[in-house]
């Protein structure tokens, strides 16, 4: 997974895989998802990311299986 933030456009791009994108869908005015040939999520773009997501408080935590 790769996460990129572009401050000049206030855009957040989250890439989950490197598969070829064959379709892009608008979830709403600010969120787009890219899908592969099998309908699986490839990436997500969030426009106006400062308003849509808490960009100042990003954390990642990997949980262990019990």
PDB file of N, CA and C in Angstrom:
ATOM      1  N   UNK A   1       0.847  -1.170   0.000  1.00  0.00           N
ATOM      2  CA  UNK A   1       0.000   0.000   0.000  1.00  0.00           C
ATOM      3  C   UNK A   1       0.892   1.232   0.000  1.00  0.00           C
ATOM      4  N   UNK A   2       0.446   2.245  -0.728  1.00  0.00           N
ATOM      5  CA  UNK A   2       1.201   3.479  -0.857  1.00  0.00           C
ATOM      6  C   UNK A   2       0.240   4.640  -0.654  1.00  0.00           C
ATOM      7  N   UNK A   3       0.609   5.596   0.186  1.00  0.00           N
ATOM      8  CA  UNK A   3      -0.228   6.759   0.456  1.00  0.00           C
ATOM      9  C   UNK A   3       0.551   8.009   0.093  1.00  0.00           C
ATOM     10  N   UNK A   4      -0.054   8.848  -0.755  1.00  0.00           N
ATOM     11  CA  UNK A   4       0.576  10.102  -1.163  1.00  0.00           C
ATOM     12  C   UNK A   4      -0.397  11.254  -0.927  1.00  0.00           C
ATOM     13  N   UNK A   5       0.140  12.346  -0.386  1.00  0.00           N
ATOM     14  CA  UNK A   5      -0.655  13.562  -0.198  1.00  0.00           C
ATOM     15  C   UNK A   5      -0.031  14.670  -1.026  1.00  0.00           C
ATOM     16  N   UNK A   6      -0.859  15.356  -1.805  1.00  0.00           N
ATOM     17  CA  UNK A   6      -0.426  16.443  -2.665  1.00  0.00           C
ATOM     18  C   UNK A   6      -0.987  17.748  -2.112  1.00  0.00           C
ATOM     19  N   UNK A   7      -0.186  18.502  -1.336  1.00  0.00           N
ATOM     20  CA  UNK A   7      -0.708  19.700  -0.679  1.00  0.00           C
ATOM     21  C   UNK A   7      -1.135  20.798  -1.651  1.00  0.00           C
ATOM     22  N   UNK A   8      -0.519  20.861  -2.839  1.00  0.00           N
ATOM     23  CA  UNK A   8      -0.886  21.915  -3.784  1.00  0.00           C
ATOM     24  C   UNK A   8      -2.315  21.770  -4.301  1.00  0.00           C
ATOM     25  N   UNK A   9      -2.834  20.533  -4.321  1.00  0.00           N
ATOM     26  CA  UNK A   9      -4.213  20.299  -4.748  1.00  0.00           C
ATOM     27  C   UNK A   9      -5.088  19.760  -3.618  1.00  0.00           C
ATOM     28  N   UNK A  10      -4.501  19.577  -2.433  1.00  0.00           N
ATOM     29  CA  UNK A  10      -5.202  19.015  -1.268  1.00  0.00           C
ATOM     30  C   UNK A  10      -5.857  17.679  -1.625  1.00  0.00           C
ATOM     31  N   UNK A  11      -5.044  16.810  -2.248  1.00  0.00           N
ATOM     32  CA  UNK A  11      -5.526  15.517  -2.723  1.00  0.00           C
ATOM     33  C   UNK A  11      -4.752  14.388  -2.055  1.00  0.00           C
ATOM     34  N   UNK A  12      -5.482  13.373  -1.619  1.00  0.00           N
ATOM     35  CA  UNK A  12      -4.892  12.192  -1.006  1.00  0.00           C
ATOM     36  C   UNK A  12      -5.104  11.016  -1.953  1.00  0.00           C
ATOM     37  N   UNK A  13      -4.032  10.290  -2.273  1.00  0.00           N
ATOM     38  CA  UNK A  13      -4.106   9.124  -3.138  1.00  0.00           C
ATOM     39  C   UNK A  13      -3.628   7.908  -2.359  1.00  0.00           C
ATOM     40  N   UNK A  14      -4.504   6.926  -2.226  1.00  0.00           N
ATOM     41  CA  UNK A  14      -4.174   5.683  -1.530  1.00  0.00           C
ATOM     42  C   UNK A  14      -4.190   4.562  -2.567  1.00  0.00           C
ATOM     43  N   UNK A  15      -3.029   3.973  -2.808  1.00  0.00           N
ATOM     44  CA  UNK A  15      -2.918   2.871  -3.765  1.00  0.00           C
ATOM     45  C   UNK A  15      -2.787   1.566  -2.986  1.00  0.00           C
ATOM     46  N   UNK A  16      -3.655   0.633  -3.293  1.00  0.00           N
ATOM     47  CA  UNK A  16      -3.664  -0.645  -2.596  1.00  0.00           C
ATOM     48  C   UNK A  16      -2.897  -1.725  -3.352  1.00  0.00           C
ATOM     49  N   UNK A  17      -2.946  -1.675  -4.680  1.00  0.00           N
ATOM     50  CA  UNK A  17      -2.221  -2.631  -5.515  1.00  0.00           C
ATOM     51  C   UNK A  17      -1.666  -1.894  -6.736  1.00  0.00           C
ATOM     52  N   UNK A  18      -0.854  -2.603  -7.507  1.00  0.00           N
ATOM     53  CA  UNK A  18      -0.321  -2.044  -8.745  1.00  0.00           C
ATOM     54  C   UNK A  18      -1.044  -2.583  -9.970  1.00  0.00           C
ATOM     55  N   UNK A  19      -2.202  -3.188  -9.775  1.00  0.00           N
ATOM     56  CA  UNK A  19      -2.941  -3.758 -10.899  1.00  0.00           C
ATOM     57  C   UNK A  19      -3.437  -2.649 -11.829  1.00  0.00           C
ATOM     58  N   UNK A  20      -3.702  -3.029 -13.051  1.00  0.00           N
ATOM     59  CA  UNK A  20      -4.187  -2.080 -14.050  1.00  0.00           C
ATOM     60  C   UNK A  20      -5.588  -1.597 -13.686  1.00  0.00           C
ATOM     61  N   UNK A  21      -5.800  -0.308 -13.792  1.00  0.00           N
ATOM     62  CA  UNK A  21      -7.109   0.291 -13.533  1.00  0.00           C
ATOM     63  C   UNK A  21      -7.933   0.219 -14.808  1.00  0.00           C
ATOM     64  N   UNK A  22      -9.136  -0.353 -14.695  1.00  0.00           N
ATOM     65  CA  UNK A  22     -10.012  -0.442 -15.862  1.00  0.00           C
ATOM     66  C   UNK A  22     -11.284   0.375 -15.695  1.00  0.00           C
ATOM     67  N   UNK A  23     -11.565   0.811 -14.470  1.00  0.00           N
ATOM     68  CA  UNK A  23     -12.770   1.605 -14.225  1.00  0.00           C
ATOM     69  C   UNK A  23     -12.557   2.528 -13.035  1.00  0.00           C
ATOM     70  N   UNK A  24     -13.074   3.743 -13.147  1.00  0.00           N
ATOM     71  CA  UNK A  24     -13.076   4.698 -12.042  1.00  0.00           C
ATOM     72  C   UNK A  24     -14.515   5.053 -11.731  1.00  0.00           C
ATOM     73  N   UNK A  25     -14.863   5.004 -10.451  1.00  0.00           N
ATOM     74  CA  UNK A  25     -16.223   5.343 -10.013  1.00  0.00           C
ATOM     75  C   UNK A  25     -16.172   6.496  -9.024  1.00  0.00           C
ATOM     76  N   UNK A  26     -17.119   7.402  -9.145  1.00  0.00           N
ATOM     77  CA  UNK A  26     -17.283   8.484  -8.180  1.00  0.00           C
ATOM     78  C   UNK A  26     -18.172   7.985  -7.051  1.00  0.00           C
ATOM     79  N   UNK A  27     -17.659   7.982  -5.826  1.00  0.00           N
ATOM     80  CA  UNK A  27     -18.505   7.627  -4.684  1.00  0.00           C
ATOM     81  C   UNK A  27     -19.341   8.826  -4.259  1.00  0.00           C
ATOM     82  N   UNK A  28     -18.737  10.013  -4.378  1.00  0.00           N
ATOM     83  CA  UNK A  28     -19.427  11.278  -4.156  1.00  0.00           C
ATOM     84  C   UNK A  28     -18.608  12.362  -4.850  1.00  0.00           C
ATOM     85  N   UNK A  29     -18.852  13.632  -4.539  1.00  0.00           N
ATOM     86  CA  UNK A  29     -18.141  14.723  -5.216  1.00  0.00           C
ATOM     87  C   UNK A  29     -16.647  14.743  -4.916  1.00  0.00           C
ATOM     88  N   UNK A  30     -16.213  14.113  -3.831  1.00  0.00           N
ATOM     89  CA  UNK A  30     -14.826  14.211  -3.386  1.00  0.00           C
ATOM     90  C   UNK A  30     -14.061  12.899  -3.337  1.00  0.00           C
ATOM     91  N   UNK A  31     -14.711  11.775  -3.564  1.00  0.00           N
ATOM     92  CA  UNK A  31     -14.050  10.476  -3.428  1.00  0.00           C
ATOM     93  C   UNK A  31     -14.266   9.649  -4.699  1.00  0.00           C
ATOM     94  N   UNK A  32     -13.141   9.192  -5.263  1.00  0.00           N
ATOM     95  CA  UNK A  32     -13.166   8.342  -6.446  1.00  0.00           C
ATOM     96  C   UNK A  32     -12.450   7.036  -6.117  1.00  0.00           C
ATOM     97  N   UNK A  33     -12.957   5.943  -6.662  1.00  0.00           N
ATOM     98  CA  UNK A  33     -12.271   4.659  -6.497  1.00  0.00           C
ATOM     99  C   UNK A  33     -11.922   4.104  -7.876  1.00  0.00           C
ATOM    100  N   UNK A  34     -10.781   3.443  -7.939  1.00  0.00           N
ATOM    101  CA  UNK A  34     -10.324   2.798  -9.163  1.00  0.00           C
ATOM    102  C   UNK A  34     -10.384   1.294  -8.968  1.00  0.00           C
ATOM    103  N   UNK A  35     -10.910   0.600  -9.978  1.00  0.00           N
ATOM    104  CA  UNK A  35     -11.109  -0.846  -9.900  1.00  0.00           C
ATOM    105  C   UNK A  35     -10.327  -1.556 -10.989  1.00  0.00           C
ATOM    106  N   UNK A  36      -9.933  -2.804 -10.702  1.00  0.00           N
ATOM    107  CA  UNK A  36      -9.248  -3.617 -11.704  1.00  0.00           C
ATOM    108  C   UNK A  36     -10.264  -4.385 -12.535  1.00  0.00           C
ATOM    109  N   UNK A  37      -9.789  -5.253 -13.389  1.00  0.00           N
ATOM    110  CA  UNK A  37     -10.644  -6.006 -14.303  1.00  0.00           C
ATOM    111  C   UNK A  37     -11.629  -6.923 -13.577  1.00  0.00           C
ATOM    112  N   UNK A  38     -11.303  -7.330 -12.347  1.00  0.00           N
ATOM    113  CA  UNK A  38     -12.183  -8.199 -11.567  1.00  0.00           C
ATOM    114  C   UNK A  38     -13.093  -7.423 -10.618  1.00  0.00           C
ATOM    115  N   UNK A  39     -13.043  -6.092 -10.665  1.00  0.00           N
ATOM    116  CA  UNK A  39     -13.873  -5.272  -9.784  1.00  0.00           C
ATOM    117  C   UNK A  39     -13.273  -5.043  -8.423  1.00  0.00           C
ATOM    118  N   UNK A  40     -11.998  -5.402  -8.239  1.00  0.00           N
ATOM    119  CA  UNK A  40     -11.321  -5.205  -6.958  1.00  0.00           C
ATOM    120  C   UNK A  40     -10.748  -3.792  -6.872  1.00  0.00           C
ATOM    121  N   UNK A  41     -10.700  -3.262  -5.661  1.00  0.00           N
ATOM    122  CA  UNK A  41     -10.196  -1.923  -5.413  1.00  0.00           C
ATOM    123  C   UNK A  41      -8.701  -1.845  -5.681  1.00  0.00           C
ATOM    124  N   UNK A  42      -8.289  -0.885  -6.510  1.00  0.00           N
ATOM    125  CA  UNK A  42      -6.881  -0.646  -6.811  1.00  0.00           C
ATOM    126  C   UNK A  42      -6.402   0.580  -6.051  1.00  0.00           C
ATOM    127  N   UNK A  43      -7.181   1.668  -6.115  1.00  0.00           N
ATOM    128  CA  UNK A  43      -6.790   2.895  -5.429  1.00  0.00           C
ATOM    129  C   UNK A  43      -8.008   3.752  -5.115  1.00  0.00           C
ATOM    130  N   UNK A  44      -7.778   4.739  -4.254  1.00  0.00           N
ATOM    131  CA  UNK A  44      -8.823   5.677  -3.850  1.00  0.00           C
ATOM    132  C   UNK A  44      -8.226   7.074  -3.859  1.00  0.00           C
ATOM    133  N   UNK A  45      -8.950   8.018  -4.427  1.00  0.00           N
ATOM    134  CA  UNK A  45      -8.533   9.412  -4.446  1.00  0.00           C
ATOM    135  C   UNK A  45      -9.532  10.225  -3.633  1.00  0.00           C
ATOM    136  N   UNK A  46      -9.013  11.049  -2.728  1.00  0.00           N
ATOM    137  CA  UNK A  46      -9.859  11.918  -1.906  1.00  0.00           C
ATOM    138  C   UNK A  46      -9.477  13.360  -2.190  1.00  0.00           C
ATOM    139  N   UNK A  47     -10.399  14.099  -2.799  1.00  0.00           N
ATOM    140  CA  UNK A  47     -10.210  15.516  -3.066  1.00  0.00           C
ATOM    141  C   UNK A  47     -10.601  16.303  -1.809  1.00  0.00           C
ATOM    142  N   UNK A  48     -10.045  17.494  -1.645  1.00  0.00           N
ATOM    143  CA  UNK A  48     -10.296  18.317  -0.451  1.00  0.00           C
ATOM    144  C   UNK A  48     -10.026  17.493   0.804  1.00  0.00           C
ATOM    145  N   UNK A  49      -8.880  16.846   0.809  1.00  0.00           N
ATOM    146  CA  UNK A  49      -8.532  15.872   1.845  1.00  0.00           C
ATOM    147  C   UNK A  49      -8.509  16.470   3.253  1.00  0.00           C
ATOM    148  N   UNK A  50      -8.125  17.724   3.396  1.00  0.00           N
ATOM    149  CA  UNK A  50      -8.092  18.341   4.730  1.00  0.00           C
ATOM    150  C   UNK A  50      -9.488  18.366   5.357  1.00  0.00           C
ATOM    151  N   UNK A  51     -10.515  18.574   4.540  1.00  0.00           N
ATOM    152  CA  UNK A  51     -11.901  18.581   5.047  1.00  0.00           C
ATOM    153  C   UNK A  51     -12.474  17.173   5.170  1.00  0.00           C
ATOM    154  N   UNK A  52     -12.082  16.276   4.256  1.00  0.00           N
ATOM    155  CA  UNK A  52     -12.674  14.942   4.201  1.00  0.00           C
ATOM    156  C   UNK A  52     -12.048  13.950   5.182  1.00  0.00           C
ATOM    157  N   UNK A  53     -10.777  14.148   5.494  1.00  0.00           N
ATOM    158  CA  UNK A  53     -10.060  13.215   6.366  1.00  0.00           C
ATOM    159  C   UNK A  53      -9.224  14.013   7.355  1.00  0.00           C
ATOM    160  N   UNK A  54      -8.940  13.431   8.480  1.00  0.00           N
ATOM    161  CA  UNK A  54      -8.135  14.097   9.501  1.00  0.00           C
ATOM    162  C   UNK A  54      -6.661  13.952   9.139  1.00  0.00           C
ATOM    163  N   UNK A  55      -6.211  14.754   8.183  1.00  0.00           N
ATOM    164  CA  UNK A  55      -4.854  14.639   7.644  1.00  0.00           C
ATOM    165  C   UNK A  55      -3.772  14.959   8.673  1.00  0.00           C
ATOM    166  N   UNK A  56      -4.070  15.780   9.650  1.00  0.00           N
ATOM    167  CA  UNK A  56      -3.071  16.147  10.648  1.00  0.00           C
ATOM    168  C   UNK A  56      -2.806  15.066  11.671  1.00  0.00           C
ATOM    169  N   UNK A  57      -3.629  14.028  11.688  1.00  0.00           N
ATOM    170  CA  UNK A  57      -3.500  12.979  12.688  1.00  0.00           C
ATOM    171  C   UNK A  57      -3.553  11.616  12.014  1.00  0.00           C
ATOM    172  N   UNK A  58      -2.571  11.338  11.167  1.00  0.00           N
ATOM    173  CA  UNK A  58      -2.514  10.066  10.460  1.00  0.00           C
ATOM    174  C   UNK A  58      -1.659   9.087  11.242  1.00  0.00           C
ATOM    175  N   UNK A  59      -2.155   7.870  11.411  1.00  0.00           N
ATOM    176  CA  UNK A  59      -1.363   6.828  12.057  1.00  0.00           C
ATOM    177  C   UNK A  59      -1.671   5.486  11.395  1.00  0.00           C
ATOM    178  N   UNK A  60      -0.742   4.582  11.548  1.00  0.00           N
ATOM    179  CA  UNK A  60      -0.883   3.238  10.994  1.00  0.00           C
ATOM    180  C   UNK A  60      -0.568   2.260  12.109  1.00  0.00           C
ATOM    181  N   UNK A  61      -1.415   1.265  12.276  1.00  0.00           N
ATOM    182  CA  UNK A  61      -1.190   0.296  13.324  1.00  0.00           C
ATOM    183  C   UNK A  61      -1.495  -1.092  12.779  1.00  0.00           C
ATOM    184  N   UNK A  62      -0.529  -1.985  12.848  1.00  0.00           N
ATOM    185  CA  UNK A  62      -0.743  -3.355  12.406  1.00  0.00           C
ATOM    186  C   UNK A  62      -1.143  -4.184  13.606  1.00  0.00           C
ATOM    187  N   UNK A  63      -2.282  -4.837  13.504  1.00  0.00           N
ATOM    188  CA  UNK A  63      -2.813  -5.629  14.603  1.00  0.00           C
ATOM    189  C   UNK A  63      -2.367  -7.072  14.450  1.00  0.00           C
ATOM    190  N   UNK A  64      -2.115  -7.734  15.569  1.00  0.00           N
ATOM    191  CA  UNK A  64      -1.755  -9.140  15.539  1.00  0.00           C
ATOM    192  C   UNK A  64      -2.992  -9.997  15.755  1.00  0.00           C
ATOM    193  N   UNK A  65      -2.974 -11.162  15.164  1.00  0.00           N
ATOM    194  CA  UNK A  65      -4.075 -12.098  15.355  1.00  0.00           C
ATOM    195  C   UNK A  65      -3.931 -12.782  16.718  1.00  0.00           C
ATOM    196  N   UNK A  66      -5.015 -12.886  17.404  1.00  0.00           N
ATOM    197  CA  UNK A  66      -4.994 -13.568  18.720  1.00  0.00           C
ATOM    198  C   UNK A  66      -5.320 -15.022  18.593  1.00  0.00           C
TER     199      UNK A  66
END
